[in-house]
Amino acid sequence: MRITEIYSSVQGETQYAGLLCTLVRTTGCDLRCTYCDSAFAFYGGRDMTVDEIVTEVGKLGAPLVLLTGGEPMLQKDLPALAALLLERSYRVMIETSGAHALDGLPAEVVRIVDVKTPGSGEAHRMRWESLEGLRPHDAVKFVLTSEADYQWATEVIRSRRLADRTEVLLSPVHGRLAPEELVSWMLRDKLPARLNLQIHKYIWSPEARGV
């Protein structure tokens, strides 16, 4: 597998924000979202075997492991890595775009699926079937650049009854959409969703890596 970095921190977002976590960031992505904050993971990295990755995760010691990127589902050995981590009693999460099938993942993996909004420039890549199997402990995430993105997301959430099946996360693009604006819209519309701030960008510099 091609890996950009492996490090321990707190989980920076989602409904599991604040938990101690080891992040395994894969290299490579086939999307180019306008707000991407991990473009450094598009290229480079180092080749590691599944066993080498699990060994490095073990040295860091956190019981929660997040598989992220880039786009982790581009790595053909990703399901095998997830399975081995689960076998070693880790809780395993994946953050992935909605552009890739998740059928090959072990059922125990917590899925955080990013629905690409119009403001991302990649909404046309969405595979809507990837939302069908989401469970209460999984989540669907909308990264929002504007009120137009919010209105679009609201329609998707309600028409597909997402809040009846899984966690719904609304994430304002840091430095581009003010959280207080998003909260005011959520209150106005009584939207069944959770505000999802990237807390690592408030603890450290938004440009900091490995935190």
Protein backbone atom coordinates (compact mmCIF):
# COMPACT_ATOMS: atom_id res chain seq x y z
CA MET A 1 0.00 0.00 0.00
CA ARG A 2 1.09 3.59 -0.57
CA ILE A 3 1.07 5.55 2.71
CA THR A 4 1.56 9.29 3.25
CA GLU A 5 1.72 9.28 7.05
CA ILE A 6 0.79 7.38 10.21
CA TYR A 7 0.48 9.28 13.49
CA SER A 8 -1.56 9.49 16.69
CA SER A 9 -3.69 12.45 17.76
CA VAL A 10 -7.32 12.99 18.61
CA GLN A 11 -10.00 12.24 16.05
CA GLY A 12 -10.55 15.71 14.63
CA GLU A 13 -14.14 15.46 13.42
CA THR A 14 -17.22 13.23 13.02
CA GLN A 15 -19.33 11.95 15.91
CA TYR A 16 -16.16 10.39 17.33
CA ALA A 17 -14.31 13.72 17.59
CA GLY A 18 -12.00 14.06 20.56
CA LEU A 19 -11.16 10.36 20.97
CA LEU A 20 -7.52 9.29 20.92
CA CYS A 21 -6.88 7.91 17.47
CA THR A 22 -4.15 6.68 15.13
CA LEU A 23 -4.57 8.03 11.62
CA VAL A 24 -3.36 6.02 8.63
CA ARG A 25 -3.33 8.37 5.65
CA THR A 26 -3.05 6.70 2.26
CA THR A 27 -1.59 8.36 -0.82
CA GLY A 28 -3.57 9.21 -3.94
CA CYS A 29 -7.02 10.58 -4.73
CA ASP A 30 -9.09 10.61 -7.90
CA LEU A 31 -11.11 13.70 -6.89
CA ARG A 32 -10.03 17.34 -6.79
CA CYS A 33 -12.43 19.08 -4.40
CA THR A 34 -12.21 22.87 -4.30
CA TYR A 35 -11.76 22.89 -0.52
CA CYS A 36 -9.35 19.96 -0.17
CA ASP A 37 -7.10 20.30 2.90
CA SER A 38 -5.00 17.20 2.25
CA ALA A 39 -3.69 17.76 -1.28
CA PHE A 40 -0.24 16.86 0.08
CA ALA A 41 -1.50 13.25 0.03
CA PHE A 42 -2.13 13.22 -3.74
CA TYR A 43 1.43 12.16 -4.51
CA GLY A 44 4.55 10.78 -2.84
CA GLY A 45 4.28 8.57 0.21
CA ARG A 46 6.03 5.27 0.80
CA ASP A 47 5.21 1.68 0.03
CA MET A 48 4.31 -0.38 3.11
CA THR A 49 2.94 -3.86 3.54
CA VAL A 50 -0.21 -4.47 5.56
CA ASP A 51 1.90 -6.08 8.30
CA GLU A 52 4.25 -3.08 8.43
CA ILE A 53 1.33 -0.70 8.80
CA VAL A 54 -0.22 -2.76 11.62
CA THR A 55 3.16 -2.89 13.39
CA GLU A 56 3.51 0.90 13.23
CA VAL A 57 -0.07 1.36 14.45
CA GLY A 58 0.73 -0.95 17.36
CA LYS A 59 3.70 1.17 18.41
CA LEU A 60 1.46 4.24 18.68
CA GLY A 61 -1.03 2.48 20.92
CA ALA A 62 -4.39 4.21 20.35
CA PRO A 63 -7.37 1.80 20.34
CA LEU A 64 -9.15 3.68 17.51
CA VAL A 65 -7.72 3.67 13.97
CA LEU A 66 -8.90 5.99 11.20
CA LEU A 67 -8.19 5.04 7.58
CA THR A 68 -8.17 8.24 5.55
CA GLY A 69 -6.44 9.89 2.62
CA GLY A 70 -6.33 10.91 -0.09
CA GLU A 71 -8.90 8.28 -0.91
CA PRO A 72 -8.25 5.06 1.01
CA MET A 73 -10.56 2.96 -1.16
CA LEU A 74 -8.13 3.34 -4.06
CA GLN A 75 -5.75 1.00 -2.20
CA LYS A 76 -6.55 -2.59 -3.18
CA ASP A 77 -5.23 -3.97 0.12
CA LEU A 78 -7.33 -1.60 2.24
CA PRO A 79 -9.97 -4.26 3.13
CA ALA A 80 -7.20 -6.66 4.19
CA LEU A 81 -5.63 -3.94 6.37
CA ALA A 82 -8.99 -3.21 8.00
CA ALA A 83 -9.58 -6.90 8.64
CA LEU A 84 -6.18 -7.37 10.30
CA LEU A 85 -6.66 -4.30 12.49
CA LEU A 86 -10.04 -5.62 13.60
CA GLU A 87 -8.47 -8.99 14.32
CA ARG A 88 -6.00 -7.18 16.61
CA SER A 89 -8.98 -5.67 18.52
CA TYR A 90 -8.74 -2.13 17.15
CA ARG A 91 -11.87 -0.14 16.44
CA VAL A 92 -11.55 0.84 12.78
CA MET A 93 -13.07 3.79 10.92
CA ILE A 94 -12.79 4.93 7.32
CA GLU A 95 -13.31 8.39 5.87
CA THR A 96 -14.12 8.05 2.19
CA SER A 97 -15.78 9.99 -0.60
CA GLY A 98 -19.08 8.77 -1.93
CA ALA A 99 -17.38 8.00 -5.24
CA HIS A 100 -16.35 4.42 -4.41
CA ALA A 101 -18.11 1.17 -3.56
CA LEU A 102 -17.57 -0.02 0.02
CA ASP A 103 -18.74 -3.61 -0.45
CA GLY A 104 -15.30 -5.09 0.16
CA LEU A 105 -14.90 -3.63 3.65
CA PRO A 106 -15.47 -5.80 6.73
CA ALA A 107 -18.88 -5.11 8.26
CA GLU A 108 -17.32 -3.94 11.55
CA VAL A 109 -15.63 -0.92 9.95
CA VAL A 110 -17.30 2.39 10.82
CA ARG A 111 -18.04 4.20 7.57
CA ILE A 112 -17.91 8.01 7.29
CA VAL A 113 -19.09 8.76 3.74
CA ASP A 114 -18.55 12.25 2.33
CA VAL A 115 -21.34 13.36 0.00
CA LYS A 116 -19.76 15.81 -2.41
CA THR A 117 -21.75 19.04 -2.60
CA PRO A 118 -21.95 21.28 -5.69
CA GLY A 119 -19.39 23.60 -4.08
CA SER A 120 -16.85 20.77 -4.07
CA GLY A 121 -16.83 20.65 -7.87
CA GLU A 122 -17.17 16.85 -7.66
CA ALA A 123 -20.89 16.29 -6.99
CA HIS A 124 -21.21 14.42 -10.28
CA ARG A 125 -18.97 11.64 -8.95
CA MET A 126 -21.36 10.59 -6.17
CA ARG A 127 -22.39 6.89 -6.04
CA TRP A 128 -25.71 7.19 -4.23
CA GLU A 129 -25.89 3.45 -3.61
CA SER A 130 -22.98 3.81 -1.18
CA LEU A 131 -25.41 5.40 1.30
CA GLU A 132 -27.88 2.52 1.29
CA GLY A 133 -26.07 0.30 3.77
CA LEU A 134 -25.15 2.95 6.35
CA ARG A 135 -26.00 2.10 9.97
CA PRO A 136 -26.60 4.17 13.13
CA HIS A 137 -22.91 4.10 14.12
CA ASP A 138 -21.81 5.20 10.61
CA ALA A 139 -22.23 8.72 9.23
CA VAL A 140 -22.83 10.72 6.11
CA LYS A 141 -20.92 14.01 5.92
CA PHE A 142 -21.64 17.12 3.87
CA VAL A 143 -18.79 19.63 3.56
CA LEU A 144 -20.43 23.00 2.90
CA THR A 145 -19.00 26.05 1.16
CA SER A 146 -22.13 28.24 1.13
CA GLU A 147 -25.85 28.46 1.87
CA ALA A 148 -26.48 27.04 -1.61
CA ASP A 149 -24.55 23.91 -0.56
CA TYR A 150 -26.56 23.81 2.67
CA GLN A 151 -29.87 23.98 0.82
CA TRP A 152 -28.73 21.22 -1.53
CA ALA A 153 -27.66 19.07 1.42
CA THR A 154 -30.98 19.70 3.19
CA GLU A 155 -32.87 18.38 0.19
CA VAL A 156 -30.70 15.25 0.04
CA ILE A 157 -31.04 14.62 3.79
CA ARG A 158 -34.81 14.92 3.74
CA SER A 159 -35.57 13.23 0.43
CA ARG A 160 -33.42 10.23 1.31
CA ARG A 161 -34.45 10.20 5.00
CA LEU A 162 -30.80 9.93 6.00
CA ALA A 163 -31.32 10.96 9.62
CA ASP A 164 -33.60 7.94 10.11
CA ARG A 165 -30.72 5.58 9.32
CA THR A 166 -27.41 7.13 10.28
CA GLU A 167 -25.60 10.16 11.72
CA VAL A 168 -25.76 13.25 9.52
CA LEU A 169 -22.80 15.64 9.79
CA LEU A 170 -22.65 19.18 8.42
CA SER A 171 -19.11 20.53 8.14
CA PRO A 172 -18.47 24.19 7.22
CA VAL A 173 -15.28 24.68 5.21
CA HIS A 174 -12.83 26.12 7.72
CA GLY A 175 -12.17 29.81 7.05
CA ARG A 176 -14.75 29.95 4.27
CA LEU A 177 -18.16 29.38 5.88
CA ALA A 178 -18.65 30.71 9.42
CA PRO A 179 -19.96 28.05 11.85
CA GLU A 180 -22.40 30.55 13.38
CA GLU A 181 -24.03 31.05 9.98
CA LEU A 182 -24.45 27.32 9.52
CA VAL A 183 -25.91 26.93 13.02
CA SER A 184 -28.42 29.72 12.33
CA TRP A 185 -29.64 27.88 9.22
CA MET A 186 -29.89 24.58 11.09
CA LEU A 187 -31.95 26.25 13.86
CA ARG A 188 -34.17 27.99 11.32
CA ASP A 189 -34.89 24.75 9.46
CA LYS A 190 -34.85 22.41 12.49
CA LEU A 191 -32.58 20.14 10.47
CA PRO A 192 -31.88 16.70 11.98
CA ALA A 193 -28.10 16.91 11.70
CA ARG A 194 -24.97 17.44 13.79
CA LEU A 195 -22.59 20.39 13.42
CA ASN A 196 -19.21 18.92 12.53
CA LEU A 197 -16.25 21.21 13.22
CA GLN A 198 -12.66 20.15 12.54
CA ILE A 199 -11.43 20.55 16.11
CA HIS A 200 -7.80 19.89 15.20
CA LYS A 201 -7.85 23.17 13.25
CA TYR A 202 -8.83 24.99 16.44
CA ILE A 203 -6.32 23.17 18.68
CA TRP A 204 -3.41 23.62 16.25
CA SER A 205 -2.80 25.74 13.17
CA PRO A 206 -5.16 24.85 10.28
CA GLU A 207 -2.04 24.16 8.19
CA ALA A 208 -0.37 21.89 10.73
CA ARG A 209 0.34 18.30 9.70
CA GLY A 210 0.73 15.19 11.80
CA VAL A 211 -1.63 16.47 14.51
